[in-house]
C-alpha cells in the first residue's frame, strides 16, 4: 500500500451502520443506497458505476436481464444478475438525480463525484448531477481500445465516460493537492476473470482516485464486485461500498480478503 497517503480521520468503521463487512480500509453495507446514504459521514470522493439502463434500443430490450444485454455472444462464464437496469431515460434521470442528491449530502464541500456511464445515457447523467446539486465539471473518456464489437461502416463504440462534478468550488491549478491527470484514460476491459458483467478495471479506478491526494475517503453507492474498494485499498485510502445484491457483497469480501495488488 502507499504509506505516504494518510487515511481519513473519521471513526472507522463509521458509526450508525450495520456493516456487512469491514476491515482497516474498507466497509461494506448491504442494501439500497437511498436508505444508507443519509446515515454516512462526509467523504472526499464518490466514485461509482451505477446501472446504465441503456443496453437496449427498445423497451423490450431494456427489460431483458443484464446477462442478455451485456454479454458477448459465445461467452460461457456466468455472472450473477443485478437489478435496476430497466429504466427508460426519463425515469433514469429522475432516479439518478435522487441518489446523487443524497450522495452530495454525504460529501464534504469541495469533494467530487465521478460517475461512469455510456454514450446512450450520458446526457441523462449530465442533467442528473446538476439536478442533484453538484457542479458539473465535464467528462473524461475511458478508451477501452479494441475490445469492442466491430461495427462495419460505422464508428466503434470503444469509449465509456466518467461524468465529473464537485460539491461547490474546486481547488485546482497551481498548489492543488494532486497530479496533472490525463483527459483520456486508456485501459483494456476486464477479461474472463471479471466477477461482474460490467466490471471496470481496478487500475482505471486507481487512476481516477490518485488524481488528488485529498481524496482519502471514497464512497461507492453501487459497489458491485468491489473494484472501487480494491483500488482504494491498494492506494492506502479508506472506502465505503454499498450494494443491493448480497451475492456481490460476498464476491467483494472475497476480493478484499486477498493480497493487495501491485500497482
C-alpha atoms as a PDB file:
ATOM      1  CA  UNK A   1       0.000   0.000   0.000  1.00  0.00           C
ATOM      2  CA  UNK A   2       1.024   3.620  -0.455  1.00  0.00           C
ATOM      3  CA  UNK A   3       2.160   4.599   3.038  1.00  0.00           C
ATOM      4  CA  UNK A   4       2.509   8.256   2.055  1.00  0.00           C
ATOM      5  CA  UNK A   5      -1.252   8.739   1.999  1.00  0.00           C
ATOM      6  CA  UNK A   6      -2.897   9.137   5.383  1.00  0.00           C
ATOM      7  CA  UNK A   7      -6.361   7.744   5.914  1.00  0.00           C
ATOM      8  CA  UNK A   8      -9.385   9.869   6.772  1.00  0.00           C
ATOM      9  CA  UNK A   9      -9.797  10.859  10.461  1.00  0.00           C
ATOM     10  CA  UNK A  10     -13.413   9.654  10.570  1.00  0.00           C
ATOM     11  CA  UNK A  11     -14.229   6.840  13.056  1.00  0.00           C
ATOM     12  CA  UNK A  12     -13.660   3.508  11.354  1.00  0.00           C
ATOM     13  CA  UNK A  13     -15.822   1.782  10.514  1.00  0.00           C
ATOM     14  CA  UNK A  14     -18.237   4.729  10.704  1.00  0.00           C
ATOM     15  CA  UNK A  15     -20.899   4.568  13.391  1.00  0.00           C
ATOM     16  CA  UNK A  16     -24.636   4.115  12.808  1.00  0.00           C
ATOM     17  CA  UNK A  17     -24.495   1.428  10.106  1.00  0.00           C
ATOM     18  CA  UNK A  18     -24.990  -2.330  10.393  1.00  0.00           C
ATOM     19  CA  UNK A  19     -21.942  -3.217   8.318  1.00  0.00           C
ATOM     20  CA  UNK A  20     -21.929  -6.371   6.215  1.00  0.00           C
ATOM     21  CA  UNK A  21     -18.110  -6.370   6.326  1.00  0.00           C
ATOM     22  CA  UNK A  22     -15.305  -4.100   7.471  1.00  0.00           C
ATOM     23  CA  UNK A  23     -11.526  -4.110   7.776  1.00  0.00           C
ATOM     24  CA  UNK A  24      -8.887  -1.429   8.345  1.00  0.00           C
ATOM     25  CA  UNK A  25      -9.531   0.186   4.957  1.00  0.00           C
ATOM     26  CA  UNK A  26     -12.961  -0.875   3.725  1.00  0.00           C
ATOM     27  CA  UNK A  27     -16.547  -1.067   4.933  1.00  0.00           C
ATOM     28  CA  UNK A  28     -19.443  -2.666   3.033  1.00  0.00           C
ATOM     29  CA  UNK A  29     -23.162  -2.082   3.604  1.00  0.00           C
ATOM     30  CA  UNK A  30     -25.778  -4.392   2.082  1.00  0.00           C
ATOM     31  CA  UNK A  31     -28.894  -2.539   0.968  1.00  0.00           C
ATOM     32  CA  UNK A  32     -30.353   0.242  -1.162  1.00  0.00           C
ATOM     33  CA  UNK A  33     -28.025   3.255  -1.245  1.00  0.00           C
ATOM     34  CA  UNK A  34     -31.013   5.598  -0.835  1.00  0.00           C
ATOM     35  CA  UNK A  35     -31.626   4.086   2.592  1.00  0.00           C
ATOM     36  CA  UNK A  36     -27.976   4.124   3.664  1.00  0.00           C
ATOM     37  CA  UNK A  37     -26.555   7.384   2.261  1.00  0.00           C
ATOM     38  CA  UNK A  38     -28.328   9.658   4.800  1.00  0.00           C
ATOM     39  CA  UNK A  39     -26.533   7.860   7.659  1.00  0.00           C
ATOM     40  CA  UNK A  40     -22.968   8.156   6.345  1.00  0.00           C
ATOM     41  CA  UNK A  41     -20.240  10.609   7.416  1.00  0.00           C
ATOM     42  CA  UNK A  42     -18.780  13.093   4.937  1.00  0.00           C
ATOM     43  CA  UNK A  43     -16.415  11.577   2.354  1.00  0.00           C
ATOM     44  CA  UNK A  44     -13.985  13.165  -0.093  1.00  0.00           C
ATOM     45  CA  UNK A  45     -14.938  11.363  -3.287  1.00  0.00           C
ATOM     46  CA  UNK A  46     -17.910   9.441  -4.672  1.00  0.00           C
ATOM     47  CA  UNK A  47     -16.679   7.091  -7.400  1.00  0.00           C
ATOM     48  CA  UNK A  48     -19.376   4.822  -8.775  1.00  0.00           C
ATOM     49  CA  UNK A  49     -20.649   2.757 -11.684  1.00  0.00           C
ATOM     50  CA  UNK A  50     -24.470   2.652 -11.450  1.00  0.00           C
ATOM     51  CA  UNK A  51     -26.718   0.520 -13.678  1.00  0.00           C
ATOM     52  CA  UNK A  52     -26.681   2.255 -17.069  1.00  0.00           C
ATOM     53  CA  UNK A  53     -30.223   1.282 -18.127  1.00  0.00           C
ATOM     54  CA  UNK A  54     -29.093   1.674 -21.712  1.00  0.00           C
ATOM     55  CA  UNK A  55     -28.320  -1.778 -23.037  1.00  0.00           C
ATOM     56  CA  UNK A  56     -31.269  -1.931 -25.405  1.00  0.00           C
ATOM     57  CA  UNK A  57     -32.668   0.238 -28.171  1.00  0.00           C
ATOM     58  CA  UNK A  58     -36.283  -0.681 -27.427  1.00  0.00           C
ATOM     59  CA  UNK A  59     -38.311  -1.167 -24.267  1.00  0.00           C
ATOM     60  CA  UNK A  60     -38.364  -4.938 -24.783  1.00  0.00           C
ATOM     61  CA  UNK A  61     -34.546  -4.917 -24.958  1.00  0.00           C
ATOM     62  CA  UNK A  62     -34.184  -2.864 -21.773  1.00  0.00           C
ATOM     63  CA  UNK A  63     -36.397  -5.296 -19.890  1.00  0.00           C
ATOM     64  CA  UNK A  64     -34.018  -8.165 -20.577  1.00  0.00           C
ATOM     65  CA  UNK A  65     -31.743  -9.356 -17.774  1.00  0.00           C
ATOM     66  CA  UNK A  66     -28.277  -7.713 -17.861  1.00  0.00           C
ATOM     67  CA  UNK A  67     -26.694 -11.030 -18.832  1.00  0.00           C
ATOM     68  CA  UNK A  68     -28.647 -10.929 -22.103  1.00  0.00           C
ATOM     69  CA  UNK A  69     -27.868  -7.284 -22.836  1.00  0.00           C
ATOM     70  CA  UNK A  70     -24.194  -7.006 -21.937  1.00  0.00           C
ATOM     71  CA  UNK A  71     -22.673 -10.433 -22.535  1.00  0.00           C
ATOM     72  CA  UNK A  72     -20.936 -11.022 -25.829  1.00  0.00           C
ATOM     73  CA  UNK A  73     -22.171 -13.890 -27.984  1.00  0.00           C
ATOM     74  CA  UNK A  74     -20.461 -17.142 -27.071  1.00  0.00           C
ATOM     75  CA  UNK A  75     -19.470 -16.115 -23.536  1.00  0.00           C
ATOM     76  CA  UNK A  76     -19.711 -19.110 -21.228  1.00  0.00           C
ATOM     77  CA  UNK A  77     -18.869 -17.752 -17.761  1.00  0.00           C
ATOM     78  CA  UNK A  78     -21.883 -16.946 -15.589  1.00  0.00           C
ATOM     79  CA  UNK A  79     -22.029 -13.761 -13.515  1.00  0.00           C
ATOM     80  CA  UNK A  80     -24.870 -13.021 -11.088  1.00  0.00           C
ATOM     81  CA  UNK A  81     -27.572 -10.667 -12.370  1.00  0.00           C
ATOM     82  CA  UNK A  82     -28.033  -7.174 -10.954  1.00  0.00           C
ATOM     83  CA  UNK A  83     -31.141  -5.032 -10.520  1.00  0.00           C
ATOM     84  CA  UNK A  84     -32.149  -1.509 -11.557  1.00  0.00           C
ATOM     85  CA  UNK A  85     -31.111  -1.726 -15.202  1.00  0.00           C
ATOM     86  CA  UNK A  86     -34.507  -1.434 -16.934  1.00  0.00           C
ATOM     87  CA  UNK A  87     -35.431   2.261 -16.604  1.00  0.00           C
ATOM     88  CA  UNK A  88     -36.207   4.447 -19.584  1.00  0.00           C
ATOM     89  CA  UNK A  89     -34.276   7.709 -19.962  1.00  0.00           C
ATOM     90  CA  UNK A  90     -36.847   9.842 -18.183  1.00  0.00           C
ATOM     91  CA  UNK A  91     -37.127   7.650 -15.084  1.00  0.00           C
ATOM     92  CA  UNK A  92     -33.362   7.018 -15.127  1.00  0.00           C
ATOM     93  CA  UNK A  93     -32.685  10.763 -14.924  1.00  0.00           C
ATOM     94  CA  UNK A  94     -35.134  11.199 -12.034  1.00  0.00           C
ATOM     95  CA  UNK A  95     -33.733   8.185 -10.170  1.00  0.00           C
ATOM     96  CA  UNK A  96     -30.122   9.280 -10.679  1.00  0.00           C
ATOM     97  CA  UNK A  97     -30.835  12.836  -9.511  1.00  0.00           C
ATOM     98  CA  UNK A  98     -32.354  11.435  -6.275  1.00  0.00           C
ATOM     99  CA  UNK A  99     -29.377   9.296  -5.252  1.00  0.00           C
ATOM    100  CA  UNK A 100     -26.936  11.936  -6.459  1.00  0.00           C
ATOM    101  CA  UNK A 101     -28.634  14.465  -4.189  1.00  0.00           C
ATOM    102  CA  UNK A 102     -28.241  12.066  -1.267  1.00  0.00           C
ATOM    103  CA  UNK A 103     -24.594  11.463  -2.216  1.00  0.00           C
ATOM    104  CA  UNK A 104     -23.999  15.226  -2.237  1.00  0.00           C
ATOM    105  CA  UNK A 105     -25.096  15.422   1.401  1.00  0.00           C
ATOM    106  CA  UNK A 106     -22.591  12.675   2.205  1.00  0.00           C
ATOM    107  CA  UNK A 107     -19.711  14.548   0.543  1.00  0.00           C
ATOM    108  CA  UNK A 108     -17.630  17.327   2.081  1.00  0.00           C
ATOM    109  CA  UNK A 109     -17.541  20.792   0.457  1.00  0.00           C
ATOM    110  CA  UNK A 110     -15.006  20.648  -2.369  1.00  0.00           C
ATOM    111  CA  UNK A 111     -15.391  16.882  -2.711  1.00  0.00           C
ATOM    112  CA  UNK A 112     -16.214  15.233  -6.016  1.00  0.00           C
ATOM    113  CA  UNK A 113     -18.490  12.785  -7.806  1.00  0.00           C
ATOM    114  CA  UNK A 114     -17.110  10.653 -10.656  1.00  0.00           C
ATOM    115  CA  UNK A 115     -19.861   8.604 -12.311  1.00  0.00           C
ATOM    116  CA  UNK A 116     -19.423   6.034 -15.095  1.00  0.00           C
ATOM    117  CA  UNK A 117     -21.923   5.934 -17.979  1.00  0.00           C
ATOM    118  CA  UNK A 118     -22.001   5.091 -21.693  1.00  0.00           C
ATOM    119  CA  UNK A 119     -22.935   7.297 -24.639  1.00  0.00           C
ATOM    120  CA  UNK A 120     -26.634   6.422 -24.588  1.00  0.00           C
ATOM    121  CA  UNK A 121     -27.419   7.859 -21.168  1.00  0.00           C
ATOM    122  CA  UNK A 122     -24.550  10.334 -20.961  1.00  0.00           C
ATOM    123  CA  UNK A 123     -26.921  13.353 -21.353  1.00  0.00           C
ATOM    124  CA  UNK A 124     -29.118  11.953 -18.558  1.00  0.00           C
ATOM    125  CA  UNK A 125     -26.233  11.788 -16.096  1.00  0.00           C
ATOM    126  CA  UNK A 126     -25.033  15.277 -17.028  1.00  0.00           C
ATOM    127  CA  UNK A 127     -28.550  16.552 -16.249  1.00  0.00           C
ATOM    128  CA  UNK A 128     -28.896  14.436 -13.102  1.00  0.00           C
ATOM    129  CA  UNK A 129     -25.713  15.652 -11.405  1.00  0.00           C
ATOM    130  CA  UNK A 130     -26.896  19.239 -11.772  1.00  0.00           C
ATOM    131  CA  UNK A 131     -30.450  18.488 -10.599  1.00  0.00           C
ATOM    132  CA  UNK A 132     -28.854  16.704  -7.629  1.00  0.00           C
ATOM    133  CA  UNK A 133     -26.991  19.888  -6.693  1.00  0.00           C
ATOM    134  CA  UNK A 134     -23.495  19.115  -7.963  1.00  0.00           C
ATOM    135  CA  UNK A 135     -21.377  21.479 -10.068  1.00  0.00           C
ATOM    136  CA  UNK A 136     -20.857  19.783 -13.441  1.00  0.00           C
ATOM    137  CA  UNK A 137     -17.152  19.739 -14.440  1.00  0.00           C
ATOM    138  CA  UNK A 138     -17.117  17.829 -17.736  1.00  0.00           C
ATOM    139  CA  UNK A 139     -16.468  14.276 -18.944  1.00  0.00           C
ATOM    140  CA  UNK A 140     -13.421  12.017 -19.065  1.00  0.00           C
ATOM    141  CA  UNK A 141     -13.492   9.337 -21.801  1.00  0.00           C
ATOM    142  CA  UNK A 142     -12.397   5.824 -20.888  1.00  0.00           C
ATOM    143  CA  UNK A 143     -10.857   4.427 -24.083  1.00  0.00           C
ATOM    144  CA  UNK A 144     -11.310   0.645 -23.977  1.00  0.00           C
ATOM    145  CA  UNK A 145      -9.162   0.137 -27.075  1.00  0.00           C
ATOM    146  CA  UNK A 146     -10.002  -2.652 -29.480  1.00  0.00           C
ATOM    147  CA  UNK A 147     -12.028  -4.780 -27.074  1.00  0.00           C
ATOM    148  CA  UNK A 148     -15.357  -3.719 -28.574  1.00  0.00           C
ATOM    149  CA  UNK A 149     -17.852  -5.204 -31.015  1.00  0.00           C
ATOM    150  CA  UNK A 150     -16.892  -4.480 -34.654  1.00  0.00           C
ATOM    151  CA  UNK A 151     -19.341  -2.192 -36.469  1.00  0.00           C
ATOM    152  CA  UNK A 152     -18.519  -2.193 -40.171  1.00  0.00           C
ATOM    153  CA  UNK A 153     -19.485   1.002 -41.922  1.00  0.00           C
ATOM    154  CA  UNK A 154     -19.707   2.967 -38.673  1.00  0.00           C
ATOM    155  CA  UNK A 155     -17.634   4.104 -35.689  1.00  0.00           C
ATOM    156  CA  UNK A 156     -16.628   1.731 -32.915  1.00  0.00           C
ATOM    157  CA  UNK A 157     -18.189   2.442 -29.525  1.00  0.00           C
ATOM    158  CA  UNK A 158     -14.849   1.976 -27.793  1.00  0.00           C
ATOM    159  CA  UNK A 159     -15.352   4.622 -25.096  1.00  0.00           C
ATOM    160  CA  UNK A 160     -17.358   4.863 -21.934  1.00  0.00           C
ATOM    161  CA  UNK A 161     -17.366   8.073 -19.930  1.00  0.00           C
ATOM    162  CA  UNK A 162     -16.818   9.398 -16.432  1.00  0.00           C
ATOM    163  CA  UNK A 163     -19.027  12.401 -15.673  1.00  0.00           C
ATOM    164  CA  UNK A 164     -17.171  14.666 -13.233  1.00  0.00           C
ATOM    165  CA  UNK A 165     -18.721  17.095 -10.759  1.00  0.00           C
ATOM    166  CA  UNK A 166     -17.945  18.703  -7.390  1.00  0.00           C
ATOM    167  CA  UNK A 167     -19.691  19.801  -4.236  1.00  0.00           C
ATOM    168  CA  UNK A 168     -19.174  23.527  -4.782  1.00  0.00           C
ATOM    169  CA  UNK A 169     -15.871  25.201  -5.712  1.00  0.00           C
ATOM    170  CA  UNK A 170     -12.877  23.060  -6.715  1.00  0.00           C
ATOM    171  CA  UNK A 171      -9.305  23.887  -5.722  1.00  0.00           C
ATOM    172  CA  UNK A 172      -7.331  23.251  -8.888  1.00  0.00           C
ATOM    173  CA  UNK A 173      -4.269  24.509 -10.690  1.00  0.00           C
ATOM    174  CA  UNK A 174      -1.007  25.586  -9.037  1.00  0.00           C
ATOM    175  CA  UNK A 175      -0.899  24.458  -5.427  1.00  0.00           C
ATOM    176  CA  UNK A 176      -3.729  21.943  -5.747  1.00  0.00           C
ATOM    177  CA  UNK A 177      -3.125  18.617  -3.955  1.00  0.00           C
ATOM    178  CA  UNK A 178      -2.795  16.194  -6.817  1.00  0.00           C
ATOM    179  CA  UNK A 179      -1.353  15.391 -10.242  1.00  0.00           C
ATOM    180  CA  UNK A 180      -1.865  16.662 -13.770  1.00  0.00           C
ATOM    181  CA  UNK A 181      -4.212  13.874 -14.840  1.00  0.00           C
ATOM    182  CA  UNK A 182      -4.806  12.884 -18.463  1.00  0.00           C
ATOM    183  CA  UNK A 183      -8.088  13.930 -20.066  1.00  0.00           C
ATOM    184  CA  UNK A 184      -8.454  10.466 -21.624  1.00  0.00           C
ATOM    185  CA  UNK A 185      -7.820   7.259 -19.661  1.00  0.00           C
ATOM    186  CA  UNK A 186      -6.829   4.151 -21.606  1.00  0.00           C
ATOM    187  CA  UNK A 187      -7.312   0.692 -20.112  1.00  0.00           C
ATOM    188  CA  UNK A 188      -8.456  -2.553 -21.667  1.00  0.00           C
ATOM    189  CA  UNK A 189     -11.654  -4.164 -20.403  1.00  0.00           C
ATOM    190  CA  UNK A 190     -11.638  -6.892 -17.766  1.00  0.00           C
ATOM    191  CA  UNK A 191     -11.470 -10.287 -19.438  1.00  0.00           C
ATOM    192  CA  UNK A 192     -12.583 -13.739 -18.351  1.00  0.00           C
ATOM    193  CA  UNK A 193     -11.604 -13.065 -14.726  1.00  0.00           C
ATOM    194  CA  UNK A 194     -14.329 -10.482 -14.183  1.00  0.00           C
ATOM    195  CA  UNK A 195     -16.754 -11.132 -11.334  1.00  0.00           C
ATOM    196  CA  UNK A 196     -19.451  -8.693 -12.548  1.00  0.00           C
ATOM    197  CA  UNK A 197     -20.935  -8.412 -16.027  1.00  0.00           C
ATOM    198  CA  UNK A 198     -19.993  -4.714 -16.282  1.00  0.00           C
ATOM    199  CA  UNK A 199     -16.877  -4.777 -14.069  1.00  0.00           C
ATOM    200  CA  UNK A 200     -14.391  -1.944 -14.578  1.00  0.00           C
ATOM    201  CA  UNK A 201     -10.591  -2.436 -14.477  1.00  0.00           C
ATOM    202  CA  UNK A 202      -9.245  -1.768 -10.983  1.00  0.00           C
ATOM    203  CA  UNK A 203      -6.286   0.108 -12.487  1.00  0.00           C
ATOM    204  CA  UNK A 204      -8.739   2.508 -14.157  1.00  0.00           C
ATOM    205  CA  UNK A 205     -10.391   3.195 -10.795  1.00  0.00           C
ATOM    206  CA  UNK A 206      -6.943   3.581  -9.255  1.00  0.00           C
ATOM    207  CA  UNK A 207      -6.023   6.199 -11.857  1.00  0.00           C
ATOM    208  CA  UNK A 208      -9.179   8.140 -11.053  1.00  0.00           C
ATOM    209  CA  UNK A 209      -8.631   8.050  -7.270  1.00  0.00           C
ATOM    210  CA  UNK A 210      -4.976   9.080  -7.386  1.00  0.00           C
ATOM    211  CA  UNK A 211      -5.862  12.261  -9.288  1.00  0.00           C
ATOM    212  CA  UNK A 212      -5.999  14.086  -5.933  1.00  0.00           C
ATOM    213  CA  UNK A 213      -4.125  13.488  -2.676  1.00  0.00           C
ATOM    214  CA  UNK A 214      -7.030  14.919  -0.661  1.00  0.00           C
ATOM    215  CA  UNK A 215      -9.361  12.141  -1.842  1.00  0.00           C
ATOM    216  CA  UNK A 216      -8.613   9.974   1.179  1.00  0.00           C
ATOM    217  CA  UNK A 217     -12.130   8.682   1.861  1.00  0.00           C
ATOM    218  CA  UNK A 218     -14.039   7.134  -1.041  1.00  0.00           C
ATOM    219  CA  UNK A 219     -17.710   6.143  -1.390  1.00  0.00           C
ATOM    220  CA  UNK A 220     -19.208   3.792  -3.985  1.00  0.00           C
ATOM    221  CA  UNK A 221     -23.040   3.578  -3.696  1.00  0.00           C
ATOM    222  CA  UNK A 222     -23.167   0.864  -6.432  1.00  0.00           C
ATOM    223  CA  UNK A 223     -20.238  -1.266  -5.353  1.00  0.00           C
ATOM    224  CA  UNK A 224     -20.864  -4.352  -7.500  1.00  0.00           C
ATOM    225  CA  UNK A 225     -17.929  -6.734  -7.087  1.00  0.00           C
ATOM    226  CA  UNK A 226     -15.915  -4.150  -5.137  1.00  0.00           C
ATOM    227  CA  UNK A 227     -13.494  -2.754  -7.732  1.00  0.00           C
ATOM    228  CA  UNK A 228     -13.536   0.785  -6.295  1.00  0.00           C
ATOM    229  CA  UNK A 229     -12.796  -0.601  -2.828  1.00  0.00           C
ATOM    230  CA  UNK A 230      -9.939  -2.752  -4.144  1.00  0.00           C
ATOM    231  CA  UNK A 231      -8.394   0.254  -5.913  1.00  0.00           C
ATOM    232  CA  UNK A 232      -8.727   2.459  -2.826  1.00  0.00           C
ATOM    233  CA  UNK A 233      -7.206  -0.194  -0.567  1.00  0.00           C
ATOM    234  CA  UNK A 234      -4.248  -0.549  -2.913  1.00  0.00           C
ATOM    235  CA  UNK A 235      -3.639   3.196  -2.583  1.00  0.00           C
ATOM    236  CA  UNK A 236      -3.913   3.105   1.211  1.00  0.00           C
ATOM    237  CA  UNK A 237      -7.188   5.029   1.236  1.00  0.00           C
ATOM    238  CA  UNK A 238     -10.406   4.164   3.014  1.00  0.00           C
ATOM    239  CA  UNK A 239     -13.554   3.293   1.083  1.00  0.00           C
ATOM    240  CA  UNK A 240     -17.219   2.612   1.798  1.00  0.00           C
ATOM    241  CA  UNK A 241     -19.206   0.397  -0.563  1.00  0.00           C
ATOM    242  CA  UNK A 242     -22.977  -0.058  -0.776  1.00  0.00           C
ATOM    243  CA  UNK A 243     -24.523  -2.908  -2.741  1.00  0.00           C
ATOM    244  CA  UNK A 244     -28.145  -4.036  -3.001  1.00  0.00           C
ATOM    245  CA  UNK A 245     -27.335  -7.554  -4.254  1.00  0.00           C
ATOM    246  CA  UNK A 246     -25.974  -9.740  -1.439  1.00  0.00           C
ATOM    247  CA  UNK A 247     -24.195 -12.073  -3.860  1.00  0.00           C
ATOM    248  CA  UNK A 248     -21.970  -9.210  -4.943  1.00  0.00           C
ATOM    249  CA  UNK A 249     -21.299  -8.303  -1.309  1.00  0.00           C
ATOM    250  CA  UNK A 250     -19.970 -11.841  -0.897  1.00  0.00           C
ATOM    251  CA  UNK A 251     -17.799 -11.520  -4.002  1.00  0.00           C
ATOM    252  CA  UNK A 252     -16.413  -8.150  -2.872  1.00  0.00           C
ATOM    253  CA  UNK A 253     -15.473  -9.559   0.534  1.00  0.00           C
ATOM    254  CA  UNK A 254     -13.594 -12.383  -1.171  1.00  0.00           C
ATOM    255  CA  UNK A 255     -11.680  -9.936  -3.366  1.00  0.00           C
ATOM    256  CA  UNK A 256     -10.813  -7.654  -0.449  1.00  0.00           C
ATOM    257  CA  UNK A 257      -9.582 -10.592   1.605  1.00  0.00           C
ATOM    258  CA  UNK A 258      -6.914 -11.344  -0.991  1.00  0.00           C
ATOM    259  CA  UNK A 259      -3.464  -9.772  -1.024  1.00  0.00           C
ATOM    260  CA  UNK A 260      -3.137  -6.176  -2.154  1.00  0.00           C
ATOM    261  CA  UNK A 261      -2.307  -5.965  -5.850  1.00  0.00           C
ATOM    262  CA  UNK A 262       0.930  -4.474  -7.163  1.00  0.00           C
ATOM    263  CA  UNK A 263       0.437  -1.173  -8.968  1.00  0.00           C
END
